[in-house]
Amino acid sequence: MSIFIWLFRAFLFFALFAFALNNSDEVVVRWFFGREWHSPLVIVVLIAFGMGCALGVLAMVPAWWHHRRIAANRAPATGNTPAETDGNAAPLTPPPVIHDGL
């Protein structure tokens, strides 16, 4: 299975590399007040992709902080689990996994 993952990664790398080589034409990005930026198309696409990823991560930060705050409030005050504090309690085990054949 590992060999298939590496083959897929290699295919993806070479496909993106070929895309970059085929789109090396220079484009003009026009900003406000008559400002222009001349750059290869692949650089413009890469910067737009990177800015989109960064914006997506920044948009998720408040939700991450909220969930971390909730998780910190629900954490037990002591490091003991219920099984460690009560000698009669059974240890916590996950429920059995039921495979439906899919």
C-alpha atoms as a PDB file:
ATOM      1  CA  MET A   1       0.000   0.000   0.000  1.00  0.00           C
ATOM      2  CA  SER A   2       2.885   2.329   0.785  1.00  0.00           C
ATOM      3  CA  ILE A   3       4.252   1.986  -2.749  1.00  0.00           C
ATOM      4  CA  PHE A   4       0.927   3.167  -4.195  1.00  0.00           C
ATOM      5  CA  ILE A   5       0.958   6.250  -1.993  1.00  0.00           C
ATOM      6  CA  TRP A   6       4.483   7.124  -3.125  1.00  0.00           C
ATOM      7  CA  LEU A   7       3.544   6.524  -6.764  1.00  0.00           C
ATOM      8  CA  PHE A   8       0.538   8.821  -6.363  1.00  0.00           C
ATOM      9  CA  ARG A   9       2.737  11.498  -4.776  1.00  0.00           C
ATOM     10  CA  ALA A  10       5.265  11.216  -7.596  1.00  0.00           C
ATOM     11  CA  PHE A  11       2.493  11.454 -10.201  1.00  0.00           C
ATOM     12  CA  LEU A  12       1.032  14.504  -8.469  1.00  0.00           C
ATOM     13  CA  PHE A  13       4.446  16.185  -8.259  1.00  0.00           C
ATOM     14  CA  PHE A  14       5.225  15.603 -11.936  1.00  0.00           C
ATOM     15  CA  ALA A  15       1.737  16.708 -13.005  1.00  0.00           C
ATOM     16  CA  LEU A  16       2.098  19.974 -11.075  1.00  0.00           C
ATOM     17  CA  PHE A  17       5.646  20.414 -12.377  1.00  0.00           C
ATOM     18  CA  ALA A  18       4.417  19.984 -15.970  1.00  0.00           C
ATOM     19  CA  PHE A  19       1.622  22.477 -15.229  1.00  0.00           C
ATOM     20  CA  ALA A  20       4.215  24.984 -14.032  1.00  0.00           C
ATOM     21  CA  LEU A  21       6.385  24.484 -17.116  1.00  0.00           C
ATOM     22  CA  ASN A  22       3.414  24.871 -19.469  1.00  0.00           C
ATOM     23  CA  ASN A  23       2.250  28.083 -17.770  1.00  0.00           C
ATOM     24  CA  SER A  24       5.456  30.071 -17.656  1.00  0.00           C
ATOM     25  CA  ASP A  25       4.037  32.942 -19.736  1.00  0.00           C
ATOM     26  CA  GLU A  26       4.253  36.347 -18.138  1.00  0.00           C
ATOM     27  CA  VAL A  27       1.033  37.902 -16.885  1.00  0.00           C
ATOM     28  CA  VAL A  28       0.222  41.355 -15.578  1.00  0.00           C
ATOM     29  CA  VAL A  29      -1.559  41.777 -12.266  1.00  0.00           C
ATOM     30  CA  ARG A  30      -3.128  45.236 -12.173  1.00  0.00           C
ATOM     31  CA  TRP A  31      -3.564  46.776  -8.732  1.00  0.00           C
ATOM     32  CA  PHE A  32      -5.239  50.002  -7.727  1.00  0.00           C
ATOM     33  CA  PHE A  33      -3.969  53.453  -8.758  1.00  0.00           C
ATOM     34  CA  GLY A  34      -2.278  52.193 -11.919  1.00  0.00           C
ATOM     35  CA  ARG A  35       0.162  49.827 -10.180  1.00  0.00           C
ATOM     36  CA  GLU A  36       1.133  46.706 -12.146  1.00  0.00           C
ATOM     37  CA  TRP A  37       3.048  43.561 -11.318  1.00  0.00           C
ATOM     38  CA  HIS A  38       4.623  41.405 -14.058  1.00  0.00           C
ATOM     39  CA  SER A  39       5.226  37.765 -13.129  1.00  0.00           C
ATOM     40  CA  PRO A  40       4.992  34.227 -14.561  1.00  0.00           C
ATOM     41  CA  LEU A  41       1.471  32.780 -14.364  1.00  0.00           C
ATOM     42  CA  VAL A  42       2.523  29.841 -12.197  1.00  0.00           C
ATOM     43  CA  ILE A  43       3.873  32.237  -9.535  1.00  0.00           C
ATOM     44  CA  VAL A  44       0.594  34.153  -9.485  1.00  0.00           C
ATOM     45  CA  VAL A  45      -1.385  30.903  -9.152  1.00  0.00           C
ATOM     46  CA  LEU A  46       0.938  29.652  -6.386  1.00  0.00           C
ATOM     47  CA  ILE A  47       0.630  32.901  -4.420  1.00  0.00           C
ATOM     48  CA  ALA A  48      -3.167  32.893  -4.805  1.00  0.00           C
ATOM     49  CA  PHE A  49      -3.286  29.281  -3.564  1.00  0.00           C
ATOM     50  CA  GLY A  50      -1.033  30.077  -0.594  1.00  0.00           C
ATOM     51  CA  MET A  51      -3.083  33.137   0.346  1.00  0.00           C
ATOM     52  CA  GLY A  52      -6.271  31.092   0.148  1.00  0.00           C
ATOM     53  CA  CYS A  53      -4.828  28.413   2.439  1.00  0.00           C
ATOM     54  CA  ALA A  54      -3.618  31.045   4.912  1.00  0.00           C
ATOM     55  CA  LEU A  55      -7.010  32.765   4.887  1.00  0.00           C
ATOM     56  CA  GLY A  56      -8.742  29.432   5.511  1.00  0.00           C
ATOM     57  CA  VAL A  57      -6.480  28.665   8.481  1.00  0.00           C
ATOM     58  CA  LEU A  58      -6.980  32.142   9.917  1.00  0.00           C
ATOM     59  CA  ALA A  59     -10.735  31.778   9.537  1.00  0.00           C
ATOM     60  CA  MET A  60     -10.610  28.564  11.609  1.00  0.00           C
ATOM     61  CA  VAL A  61      -8.532  30.009  14.488  1.00  0.00           C
ATOM     62  CA  PRO A  62     -11.489  31.407  16.505  1.00  0.00           C
ATOM     63  CA  ALA A  63     -13.296  28.058  16.309  1.00  0.00           C
ATOM     64  CA  TRP A  64     -10.132  26.233  17.376  1.00  0.00           C
ATOM     65  CA  TRP A  65      -9.714  28.545  20.382  1.00  0.00           C
ATOM     66  CA  HIS A  66     -13.363  28.059  21.306  1.00  0.00           C
ATOM     67  CA  HIS A  67     -13.094  24.259  21.194  1.00  0.00           C
ATOM     68  CA  ARG A  68      -9.820  24.284  23.140  1.00  0.00           C
ATOM     69  CA  ARG A  69     -11.447  26.429  25.827  1.00  0.00           C
ATOM     70  CA  ILE A  70     -14.393  24.019  26.065  1.00  0.00           C
ATOM     71  CA  ALA A  71     -12.049  21.017  26.237  1.00  0.00           C
ATOM     72  CA  ALA A  72      -9.959  22.687  28.964  1.00  0.00           C
ATOM     73  CA  ASN A  73     -13.088  23.397  31.022  1.00  0.00           C
ATOM     74  CA  ARG A  74     -14.268  19.789  30.733  1.00  0.00           C
ATOM     75  CA  ALA A  75     -10.909  18.293  31.705  1.00  0.00           C
ATOM     76  CA  PRO A  76     -10.862  16.856  35.246  1.00  0.00           C
ATOM     77  CA  ALA A  77      -9.247  19.047  37.891  1.00  0.00           C
ATOM     78  CA  THR A  78      -7.020  16.151  38.971  1.00  0.00           C
ATOM     79  CA  GLY A  79      -5.181  13.880  36.602  1.00  0.00           C
ATOM     80  CA  ASN A  80      -7.045  10.816  37.938  1.00  0.00           C
ATOM     81  CA  THR A  81      -9.558   8.926  35.867  1.00  0.00           C
ATOM     82  CA  PRO A  82     -12.712   7.458  37.460  1.00  0.00           C
ATOM     83  CA  ALA A  83     -11.170   3.973  37.287  1.00  0.00           C
ATOM     84  CA  GLU A  84      -8.177   5.140  39.334  1.00  0.00           C
ATOM     85  CA  THR A  85     -10.229   6.865  42.041  1.00  0.00           C
ATOM     86  CA  ASP A  86     -12.780   4.121  42.711  1.00  0.00           C
ATOM     87  CA  GLY A  87     -11.446   0.639  43.242  1.00  0.00           C
ATOM     88  CA  ASN A  88     -14.788  -0.938  42.279  1.00  0.00           C
ATOM     89  CA  ALA A  89     -15.164   0.847  38.956  1.00  0.00           C
ATOM     90  CA  ALA A  90     -14.367  -1.040  35.767  1.00  0.00           C
ATOM     91  CA  PRO A  91     -11.671   0.466  33.516  1.00  0.00           C
ATOM     92  CA  LEU A  92     -12.945   2.557  30.640  1.00  0.00           C
ATOM     93  CA  THR A  93     -12.917   0.585  27.399  1.00  0.00           C
ATOM     94  CA  PRO A  94     -14.168   1.647  23.987  1.00  0.00           C
ATOM     95  CA  PRO A  95     -17.290  -0.036  22.614  1.00  0.00           C
ATOM     96  CA  PRO A  96     -16.726  -2.952  20.227  1.00  0.00           C
ATOM     97  CA  VAL A  97     -16.399  -2.148  16.552  1.00  0.00           C
ATOM     98  CA  ILE A  98     -19.113  -3.632  14.359  1.00  0.00           C
ATOM     99  CA  HIS A  99     -18.113  -4.127  10.738  1.00  0.00           C
ATOM    100  CA  ASP A 100     -20.979  -3.945   8.288  1.00  0.00           C
ATOM    101  CA  GLY A 101     -19.050  -5.303   5.322  1.00  0.00           C
ATOM    102  CA  LEU A 102     -18.557  -2.032   3.472  1.00  0.00           C
END
